[in-house]
Amino acid sequence: MLRFLASPRWIGLAVFVVVMAVTCFMLGGWQYDRWEQRKADNAVVKTNLKADPAPVADVVADGWDPDLEYRTVTATGTFDSAHEVTVRFAHRDSRPGVQVVTPLRLDDGTVVLVDRGWIEGPRNGEAPEDVPAAPTGPVTVTGWLQPASTADKAATTPRDGQVRAVNGERWADFLGTEPLPGFVAMTSPEQDGLEGPAEPDLGTGPHLFYSIQWYFFAGLAAFGYFWFVRAELIERRRPEGDGLGHARLTRSA
């Protein structure tokens, strides 16, 4: 009774179902892995936020590590306001504005970039005229370590006092020295006129839902194939004469 499955039409259907089921299953696994990775990343961030503040130079002594994101650090030095830069198009809650990044020169001569905060500005990305000045004299700041942007050189090299994203490696010529890896999103001291960094997003996103959805589609493809096979078998097992012609003869009688 199953010899019909060897026909070209049914072989084609089987190949289609296998390809669809495998593809959906792989997509489901990919989304599940993203969900697991997001949970692992969130666990690292939560641990970093709870950690006691440590000197930034010590934390990044071995270079940048992705697990350092949102690590609470401190830095003591003097702000270099002459090399302050604003980050264009730093929208927040649909409001146009800029981030204010000021180099902090530490006591040993090294430099760390400090994002002092956000201020609303014109929609063209230009810095507003009333950007609060950085504190003068020695100051100790506390904040969260953030990774350097992976945007291209044109977007991260200071030009006319602005950048599109922050990457300290592109500031070397501008500062005369390469700053420490990443940058610090300052949480303390608070500054009038500037909004501090936004809290990290610790949600897991829709990845688990998408994973379940793709697994469902994989199962649906397999179920559909066997449903069609069952329907075909039922049709082939009907007695001869059972059908529309038999119904017409019955009504005529």
C-alpha atoms as a PDB file:
ATOM      1  CA  MET A   1       0.000   0.000   0.000  1.00  0.00           C
ATOM      2  CA  LEU A   2       2.963   2.350   0.519  1.00  0.00           C
ATOM      3  CA  ARG A   3       4.467   1.866  -2.931  1.00  0.00           C
ATOM      4  CA  PHE A   4       2.963   5.193  -4.006  1.00  0.00           C
ATOM      5  CA  LEU A   5       5.587   6.911  -1.796  1.00  0.00           C
ATOM      6  CA  ALA A   6       8.211   5.961  -4.406  1.00  0.00           C
ATOM      7  CA  SER A   7       6.498   8.077  -7.053  1.00  0.00           C
ATOM      8  CA  PRO A   8       8.277  11.299  -8.113  1.00  0.00           C
ATOM      9  CA  ARG A   9       5.511  13.454  -6.624  1.00  0.00           C
ATOM     10  CA  TRP A  10       5.747  11.876  -3.176  1.00  0.00           C
ATOM     11  CA  ILE A  11       9.551  11.766  -3.224  1.00  0.00           C
ATOM     12  CA  GLY A  12       9.563  15.484  -4.022  1.00  0.00           C
ATOM     13  CA  LEU A  13       7.176  16.146  -1.152  1.00  0.00           C
ATOM     14  CA  ALA A  14       9.323  14.108   1.237  1.00  0.00           C
ATOM     15  CA  VAL A  15      12.478  15.997   0.240  1.00  0.00           C
ATOM     16  CA  PHE A  16      10.684  19.318   0.691  1.00  0.00           C
ATOM     17  CA  VAL A  17       9.428  18.329   4.149  1.00  0.00           C
ATOM     18  CA  VAL A  18      12.857  17.103   5.269  1.00  0.00           C
ATOM     19  CA  VAL A  19      14.550  20.304   4.097  1.00  0.00           C
ATOM     20  CA  MET A  20      11.908  22.470   5.778  1.00  0.00           C
ATOM     21  CA  ALA A  21      11.967  20.494   9.045  1.00  0.00           C
ATOM     22  CA  VAL A  22      15.767  20.505   9.260  1.00  0.00           C
ATOM     23  CA  THR A  23      15.949  24.220   8.445  1.00  0.00           C
ATOM     24  CA  CYS A  24      13.332  25.102  11.060  1.00  0.00           C
ATOM     25  CA  PHE A  25      15.041  22.869  13.618  1.00  0.00           C
ATOM     26  CA  MET A  26      18.410  24.552  13.004  1.00  0.00           C
ATOM     27  CA  LEU A  27      16.845  28.002  13.266  1.00  0.00           C
ATOM     28  CA  GLY A  28      15.210  26.962  16.511  1.00  0.00           C
ATOM     29  CA  GLY A  29      18.571  25.829  17.869  1.00  0.00           C
ATOM     30  CA  TRP A  30      20.183  29.093  16.773  1.00  0.00           C
ATOM     31  CA  GLN A  31      17.563  31.160  18.600  1.00  0.00           C
ATOM     32  CA  TYR A  32      17.851  28.945  21.669  1.00  0.00           C
ATOM     33  CA  ASP A  33      21.636  29.436  21.715  1.00  0.00           C
ATOM     34  CA  ARG A  34      21.104  33.207  21.509  1.00  0.00           C
ATOM     35  CA  TRP A  35      18.748  32.994  24.479  1.00  0.00           C
ATOM     36  CA  GLU A  36      21.319  31.016  26.473  1.00  0.00           C
ATOM     37  CA  GLN A  37      24.065  33.486  25.526  1.00  0.00           C
ATOM     38  CA  ARG A  38      21.910  36.443  26.537  1.00  0.00           C
ATOM     39  CA  LYS A  39      21.286  34.829  29.928  1.00  0.00           C
ATOM     40  CA  ALA A  40      25.005  34.229  30.380  1.00  0.00           C
ATOM     41  CA  ASP A  41      25.815  37.832  29.394  1.00  0.00           C
ATOM     42  CA  ASN A  42      23.206  39.138  31.832  1.00  0.00           C
ATOM     43  CA  ALA A  43      24.706  37.039  34.619  1.00  0.00           C
ATOM     44  CA  VAL A  44      28.118  38.607  33.947  1.00  0.00           C
ATOM     45  CA  VAL A  45      26.634  42.113  33.952  1.00  0.00           C
ATOM     46  CA  LYS A  46      24.801  41.488  37.242  1.00  0.00           C
ATOM     47  CA  THR A  47      28.014  40.222  38.827  1.00  0.00           C
ATOM     48  CA  ASN A  48      29.964  43.234  37.553  1.00  0.00           C
ATOM     49  CA  LEU A  49      27.377  45.683  38.853  1.00  0.00           C
ATOM     50  CA  LYS A  50      27.581  44.153  42.332  1.00  0.00           C
ATOM     51  CA  ALA A  51      31.383  44.074  42.415  1.00  0.00           C
ATOM     52  CA  ASP A  52      33.250  46.573  44.561  1.00  0.00           C
ATOM     53  CA  PRO A  53      34.700  49.469  42.541  1.00  0.00           C
ATOM     54  CA  ALA A  54      38.285  48.872  41.418  1.00  0.00           C
ATOM     55  CA  PRO A  55      40.864  51.188  39.776  1.00  0.00           C
ATOM     56  CA  VAL A  56      40.257  51.190  36.042  1.00  0.00           C
ATOM     57  CA  ALA A  57      43.955  50.816  35.222  1.00  0.00           C
ATOM     58  CA  ASP A  58      44.087  47.592  37.238  1.00  0.00           C
ATOM     59  CA  VAL A  59      40.910  46.179  35.710  1.00  0.00           C
ATOM     60  CA  VAL A  60      42.083  46.642  32.103  1.00  0.00           C
ATOM     61  CA  ALA A  61      45.760  45.938  32.784  1.00  0.00           C
ATOM     62  CA  ASP A  62      45.619  42.851  30.561  1.00  0.00           C
ATOM     63  CA  GLY A  63      43.569  44.558  27.851  1.00  0.00           C
ATOM     64  CA  TRP A  64      39.893  44.502  27.084  1.00  0.00           C
ATOM     65  CA  ASP A  65      37.766  41.462  27.840  1.00  0.00           C
ATOM     66  CA  PRO A  66      34.042  41.275  26.933  1.00  0.00           C
ATOM     67  CA  ASP A  67      33.342  40.065  30.488  1.00  0.00           C
ATOM     68  CA  LEU A  68      34.452  43.487  31.780  1.00  0.00           C
ATOM     69  CA  GLU A  69      31.377  45.291  30.438  1.00  0.00           C
ATOM     70  CA  TYR A  70      29.545  47.130  33.252  1.00  0.00           C
ATOM     71  CA  ARG A  71      32.375  46.428  35.687  1.00  0.00           C
ATOM     72  CA  THR A  72      32.300  49.206  38.279  1.00  0.00           C
ATOM     73  CA  VAL A  73      35.607  51.104  38.240  1.00  0.00           C
ATOM     74  CA  THR A  74      37.141  54.242  39.679  1.00  0.00           C
ATOM     75  CA  ALA A  75      39.671  56.688  38.276  1.00  0.00           C
ATOM     76  CA  THR A  76      41.415  59.668  39.836  1.00  0.00           C
ATOM     77  CA  GLY A  77      42.890  62.396  37.717  1.00  0.00           C
ATOM     78  CA  THR A  78      42.209  65.701  35.999  1.00  0.00           C
ATOM     79  CA  PHE A  79      39.745  66.234  33.171  1.00  0.00           C
ATOM     80  CA  ASP A  80      41.297  67.398  29.900  1.00  0.00           C
ATOM     81  CA  SER A  81      38.505  69.709  28.783  1.00  0.00           C
ATOM     82  CA  ALA A  82      40.539  70.927  25.809  1.00  0.00           C
ATOM     83  CA  HIS A  83      40.025  67.522  24.189  1.00  0.00           C
ATOM     84  CA  GLU A  84      36.377  67.070  25.106  1.00  0.00           C
ATOM     85  CA  VAL A  85      34.263  65.496  22.361  1.00  0.00           C
ATOM     86  CA  THR A  86      30.525  64.968  21.906  1.00  0.00           C
ATOM     87  CA  VAL A  87      28.949  61.884  20.363  1.00  0.00           C
ATOM     88  CA  ARG A  88      26.497  62.851  17.640  1.00  0.00           C
ATOM     89  CA  PHE A  89      22.939  61.502  17.324  1.00  0.00           C
ATOM     90  CA  ALA A  90      22.893  59.930  20.784  1.00  0.00           C
ATOM     91  CA  HIS A  91      19.103  59.739  21.007  1.00  0.00           C
ATOM     92  CA  ARG A  92      17.506  58.869  24.349  1.00  0.00           C
ATOM     93  CA  ASP A  93      13.796  58.112  24.705  1.00  0.00           C
ATOM     94  CA  SER A  94      13.270  59.530  21.201  1.00  0.00           C
ATOM     95  CA  ARG A  95      14.908  62.803  22.273  1.00  0.00           C
ATOM     96  CA  PRO A  96      17.838  64.055  20.164  1.00  0.00           C
ATOM     97  CA  GLY A  97      21.044  64.758  22.005  1.00  0.00           C
ATOM     98  CA  VAL A  98      24.738  64.034  22.476  1.00  0.00           C
ATOM     99  CA  GLN A  99      26.961  62.163  24.891  1.00  0.00           C
ATOM    100  CA  VAL A 100      29.747  64.255  26.407  1.00  0.00           C
ATOM    101  CA  VAL A 101      33.092  62.401  26.476  1.00  0.00           C
ATOM    102  CA  THR A 102      36.003  64.019  28.288  1.00  0.00           C
ATOM    103  CA  PRO A 103      39.478  62.464  28.655  1.00  0.00           C
ATOM    104  CA  LEU A 104      40.620  62.022  32.246  1.00  0.00           C
ATOM    105  CA  ARG A 105      44.395  62.191  32.686  1.00  0.00           C
ATOM    106  CA  LEU A 106      45.404  59.969  35.591  1.00  0.00           C
ATOM    107  CA  ASP A 107      48.197  60.726  38.017  1.00  0.00           C
ATOM    108  CA  ASP A 108      50.606  58.366  36.218  1.00  0.00           C
ATOM    109  CA  GLY A 109      50.022  60.094  32.868  1.00  0.00           C
ATOM    110  CA  THR A 110      47.687  57.501  31.331  1.00  0.00           C
ATOM    111  CA  VAL A 111      44.348  58.604  29.938  1.00  0.00           C
ATOM    112  CA  VAL A 112      40.886  57.088  30.229  1.00  0.00           C
ATOM    113  CA  LEU A 113      37.900  58.321  28.261  1.00  0.00           C
ATOM    114  CA  VAL A 114      34.965  59.245  30.479  1.00  0.00           C
ATOM    115  CA  ASP A 115      31.411  59.599  29.213  1.00  0.00           C
ATOM    116  CA  ARG A 116      30.237  62.313  31.613  1.00  0.00           C
ATOM    117  CA  GLY A 117      26.594  62.052  30.553  1.00  0.00           C
ATOM    118  CA  TRP A 118      23.891  62.923  28.045  1.00  0.00           C
ATOM    119  CA  ILE A 119      22.362  66.262  27.174  1.00  0.00           C
ATOM    120  CA  GLU A 120      19.522  67.094  24.829  1.00  0.00           C
ATOM    121  CA  GLY A 121      20.593  68.856  21.655  1.00  0.00           C
ATOM    122  CA  PRO A 122      19.576  69.763  18.119  1.00  0.00           C
ATOM    123  CA  ARG A 123      18.353  67.090  15.730  1.00  0.00           C
ATOM    124  CA  ASN A 124      21.276  67.683  13.362  1.00  0.00           C
ATOM    125  CA  GLY A 125      23.626  66.073  15.897  1.00  0.00           C
ATOM    126  CA  GLU A 126      25.546  69.216  16.736  1.00  0.00           C
ATOM    127  CA  ALA A 127      26.503  69.835  20.363  1.00  0.00           C
ATOM    128  CA  PRO A 128      24.341  72.349  22.240  1.00  0.00           C
ATOM    129  CA  GLU A 129      25.986  75.558  23.423  1.00  0.00           C
ATOM    130  CA  ASP A 130      25.186  74.928  27.090  1.00  0.00           C
ATOM    131  CA  VAL A 131      27.175  71.732  27.691  1.00  0.00           C
ATOM    132  CA  PRO A 132      28.133  71.743  31.395  1.00  0.00           C
ATOM    133  CA  ALA A 133      31.869  72.130  31.946  1.00  0.00           C
ATOM    134  CA  ALA A 134      33.859  69.266  33.424  1.00  0.00           C
ATOM    135  CA  PRO A 135      35.001  69.635  37.043  1.00  0.00           C
ATOM    136  CA  THR A 136      38.380  71.302  37.429  1.00  0.00           C
ATOM    137  CA  GLY A 137      41.260  70.046  39.531  1.00  0.00           C
ATOM    138  CA  PRO A 138      41.780  66.505  40.791  1.00  0.00           C
ATOM    139  CA  VAL A 139      38.618  64.442  40.785  1.00  0.00           C
ATOM    140  CA  THR A 140      37.696  60.814  41.444  1.00  0.00           C
ATOM    141  CA  VAL A 141      35.028  59.371  39.177  1.00  0.00           C
ATOM    142  CA  THR A 142      33.124  56.112  39.436  1.00  0.00           C
ATOM    143  CA  GLY A 143      31.395  54.429  36.538  1.00  0.00           C
ATOM    144  CA  TRP A 144      30.737  51.396  34.381  1.00  0.00           C
ATOM    145  CA  LEU A 145      33.261  50.101  31.886  1.00  0.00           C
ATOM    146  CA  GLN A 146      31.926  50.075  28.334  1.00  0.00           C
ATOM    147  CA  PRO A 147      33.419  48.468  25.207  1.00  0.00           C
ATOM    148  CA  ALA A 148      34.888  50.481  22.376  1.00  0.00           C
ATOM    149  CA  SER A 149      32.681  50.816  19.331  1.00  0.00           C
ATOM    150  CA  THR A 150      33.380  48.639  16.298  1.00  0.00           C
ATOM    151  CA  ALA A 151      32.253  51.395  13.921  1.00  0.00           C
ATOM    152  CA  ASP A 152      34.616  52.405  11.136  1.00  0.00           C
ATOM    153  CA  LYS A 153      37.485  54.884  11.440  1.00  0.00           C
ATOM    154  CA  ALA A 154      35.535  57.782   9.965  1.00  0.00           C
ATOM    155  CA  ALA A 155      32.834  57.431  12.629  1.00  0.00           C
ATOM    156  CA  THR A 156      35.195  57.090  15.607  1.00  0.00           C
ATOM    157  CA  THR A 157      38.000  59.554  14.836  1.00  0.00           C
ATOM    158  CA  PRO A 158      37.476  62.951  16.558  1.00  0.00           C
ATOM    159  CA  ARG A 159      36.775  65.651  14.005  1.00  0.00           C
ATOM    160  CA  ASP A 160      35.587  69.181  14.804  1.00  0.00           C
ATOM    161  CA  GLY A 161      35.003  68.123  18.390  1.00  0.00           C
ATOM    162  CA  GLN A 162      32.640  65.271  17.552  1.00  0.00           C
ATOM    163  CA  VAL A 163      32.479  61.554  16.810  1.00  0.00           C
ATOM    164  CA  ARG A 164      29.686  59.192  15.881  1.00  0.00           C
ATOM    165  CA  ALA A 165      30.869  56.480  18.292  1.00  0.00           C
ATOM    166  CA  VAL A 166      33.649  56.025  20.856  1.00  0.00           C
ATOM    167  CA  ASN A 167      36.801  54.024  20.167  1.00  0.00           C
ATOM    168  CA  GLY A 168      39.888  55.140  22.092  1.00  0.00           C
ATOM    169  CA  GLU A 169      42.325  53.652  19.578  1.00  0.00           C
ATOM    170  CA  ARG A 170      41.253  56.362  17.121  1.00  0.00           C
ATOM    171  CA  TRP A 171      42.002  59.113  19.664  1.00  0.00           C
ATOM    172  CA  ALA A 172      45.764  58.490  19.839  1.00  0.00           C
ATOM    173  CA  ASP A 173      46.764  61.262  17.435  1.00  0.00           C
ATOM    174  CA  PHE A 174      44.154  63.594  18.885  1.00  0.00           C
ATOM    175  CA  LEU A 175      45.381  63.110  22.477  1.00  0.00           C
ATOM    176  CA  GLY A 176      49.049  62.433  21.853  1.00  0.00           C
ATOM    177  CA  THR A 177      48.669  59.072  23.598  1.00  0.00           C
ATOM    178  CA  GLU A 178      46.402  56.055  23.313  1.00  0.00           C
ATOM    179  CA  PRO A 179      43.843  55.893  26.145  1.00  0.00           C
ATOM    180  CA  LEU A 180      43.033  52.803  28.160  1.00  0.00           C
ATOM    181  CA  PRO A 181      40.753  50.212  26.481  1.00  0.00           C
ATOM    182  CA  GLY A 182      37.046  50.933  26.436  1.00  0.00           C
ATOM    183  CA  PHE A 183      35.625  53.926  28.241  1.00  0.00           C
ATOM    184  CA  VAL A 184      33.904  54.736  31.542  1.00  0.00           C
ATOM    185  CA  ALA A 185      30.217  55.684  31.684  1.00  0.00           C
ATOM    186  CA  MET A 186      30.355  57.942  34.736  1.00  0.00           C
ATOM    187  CA  THR A 187      27.809  57.333  37.487  1.00  0.00           C
ATOM    188  CA  SER A 188      29.443  59.527  40.160  1.00  0.00           C
ATOM    189  CA  PRO A 189      29.777  62.377  40.808  1.00  0.00           C
ATOM    190  CA  GLU A 190      26.467  63.505  39.318  1.00  0.00           C
ATOM    191  CA  GLN A 191      26.569  66.686  37.248  1.00  0.00           C
ATOM    192  CA  ASP A 192      23.846  69.252  36.864  1.00  0.00           C
ATOM    193  CA  GLY A 193      22.638  69.471  33.293  1.00  0.00           C
ATOM    194  CA  LEU A 194      23.817  65.994  32.293  1.00  0.00           C
ATOM    195  CA  GLU A 195      21.860  62.746  32.538  1.00  0.00           C
ATOM    196  CA  GLY A 196      23.791  59.732  33.766  1.00  0.00           C
ATOM    197  CA  PRO A 197      24.100  56.437  31.884  1.00  0.00           C
ATOM    198  CA  ALA A 198      21.008  54.354  31.242  1.00  0.00           C
ATOM    199  CA  GLU A 199      20.592  51.171  33.251  1.00  0.00           C
ATOM    200  CA  PRO A 200      21.663  48.040  31.375  1.00  0.00           C
ATOM    201  CA  ASP A 201      18.960  46.058  29.613  1.00  0.00           C
ATOM    202  CA  LEU A 202      18.867  42.702  31.404  1.00  0.00           C
ATOM    203  CA  GLY A 203      15.993  41.252  29.406  1.00  0.00           C
ATOM    204  CA  THR A 204      16.431  38.097  27.340  1.00  0.00           C
ATOM    205  CA  GLY A 205      14.516  39.357  24.323  1.00  0.00           C
ATOM    206  CA  PRO A 206      12.210  37.228  22.158  1.00  0.00           C
ATOM    207  CA  HIS A 207      14.782  34.519  21.410  1.00  0.00           C
ATOM    208  CA  LEU A 208      13.139  31.756  23.471  1.00  0.00           C
ATOM    209  CA  PHE A 209       9.748  32.459  21.874  1.00  0.00           C
ATOM    210  CA  TYR A 210      11.316  32.403  18.405  1.00  0.00           C
ATOM    211  CA  SER A 211      13.065  29.132  19.254  1.00  0.00           C
ATOM    212  CA  ILE A 212       9.780  27.487  20.282  1.00  0.00           C
ATOM    213  CA  GLN A 213       8.143  28.882  17.164  1.00  0.00           C
ATOM    214  CA  TRP A 214      10.775  27.379  14.844  1.00  0.00           C
ATOM    215  CA  TYR A 215      10.617  23.997  16.613  1.00  0.00           C
ATOM    216  CA  PHE A 216       6.831  24.088  16.222  1.00  0.00           C
ATOM    217  CA  PHE A 217       7.196  24.702  12.477  1.00  0.00           C
ATOM    218  CA  ALA A 218       9.621  21.757  12.236  1.00  0.00           C
ATOM    219  CA  GLY A 219       7.117  19.499  13.982  1.00  0.00           C
ATOM    220  CA  LEU A 220       4.275  20.879  11.873  1.00  0.00           C
ATOM    221  CA  ALA A 221       6.137  20.016   8.655  1.00  0.00           C
ATOM    222  CA  ALA A 222       6.633  16.412   9.797  1.00  0.00           C
ATOM    223  CA  PHE A 223       3.047  16.143  11.024  1.00  0.00           C
ATOM    224  CA  GLY A 224       1.730  17.520   7.736  1.00  0.00           C
ATOM    225  CA  TYR A 225       3.654  14.937   5.719  1.00  0.00           C
ATOM    226  CA  PHE A 226       2.297  11.998   7.697  1.00  0.00           C
ATOM    227  CA  TRP A 227      -1.206  13.496   7.610  1.00  0.00           C
ATOM    228  CA  PHE A 228      -1.090  13.588   3.813  1.00  0.00           C
ATOM    229  CA  VAL A 229       0.239  10.006   3.717  1.00  0.00           C
ATOM    230  CA  ARG A 230      -2.610   8.876   5.982  1.00  0.00           C
ATOM    231  CA  ALA A 231      -5.169  10.686   3.823  1.00  0.00           C
ATOM    232  CA  GLU A 232      -3.773   8.999   0.717  1.00  0.00           C
ATOM    233  CA  LEU A 233      -3.914   5.566   2.365  1.00  0.00           C
ATOM    234  CA  ILE A 234      -7.536   6.106   3.416  1.00  0.00           C
ATOM    235  CA  GLU A 235      -8.400   7.115  -0.134  1.00  0.00           C
ATOM    236  CA  ARG A 236      -6.704   4.052  -1.620  1.00  0.00           C
ATOM    237  CA  ARG A 237      -8.417   1.668   0.826  1.00  0.00           C
ATOM    238  CA  ARG A 238     -11.927   2.737  -0.177  1.00  0.00           C
ATOM    239  CA  PRO A 239     -13.905  -0.060  -1.857  1.00  0.00           C
ATOM    240  CA  GLU A 240     -14.430   0.210  -5.591  1.00  0.00           C
ATOM    241  CA  GLY A 241     -17.618   2.053  -6.378  1.00  0.00           C
ATOM    242  CA  ASP A 242     -17.493   3.987  -3.122  1.00  0.00           C
ATOM    243  CA  GLY A 243     -17.438   7.611  -4.070  1.00  0.00           C
ATOM    244  CA  LEU A 244     -19.351  10.155  -6.077  1.00  0.00           C
ATOM    245  CA  GLY A 245     -20.569   7.643  -8.639  1.00  0.00           C
ATOM    246  CA  HIS A 246     -21.877   5.339  -5.934  1.00  0.00           C
ATOM    247  CA  ALA A 247     -23.658   8.257  -4.269  1.00  0.00           C
ATOM    248  CA  ARG A 248     -25.364   9.195  -7.553  1.00  0.00           C
ATOM    249  CA  LEU A 249     -26.567   5.608  -8.072  1.00  0.00           C
ATOM    250  CA  THR A 250     -27.968   5.550  -4.534  1.00  0.00           C
ATOM    251  CA  ARG A 251     -29.942   8.755  -5.086  1.00  0.00           C
ATOM    252  CA  SER A 252     -31.282   7.473  -8.437  1.00  0.00           C
ATOM    253  CA  ALA A 253     -32.523   4.302  -6.770  1.00  0.00           C
END
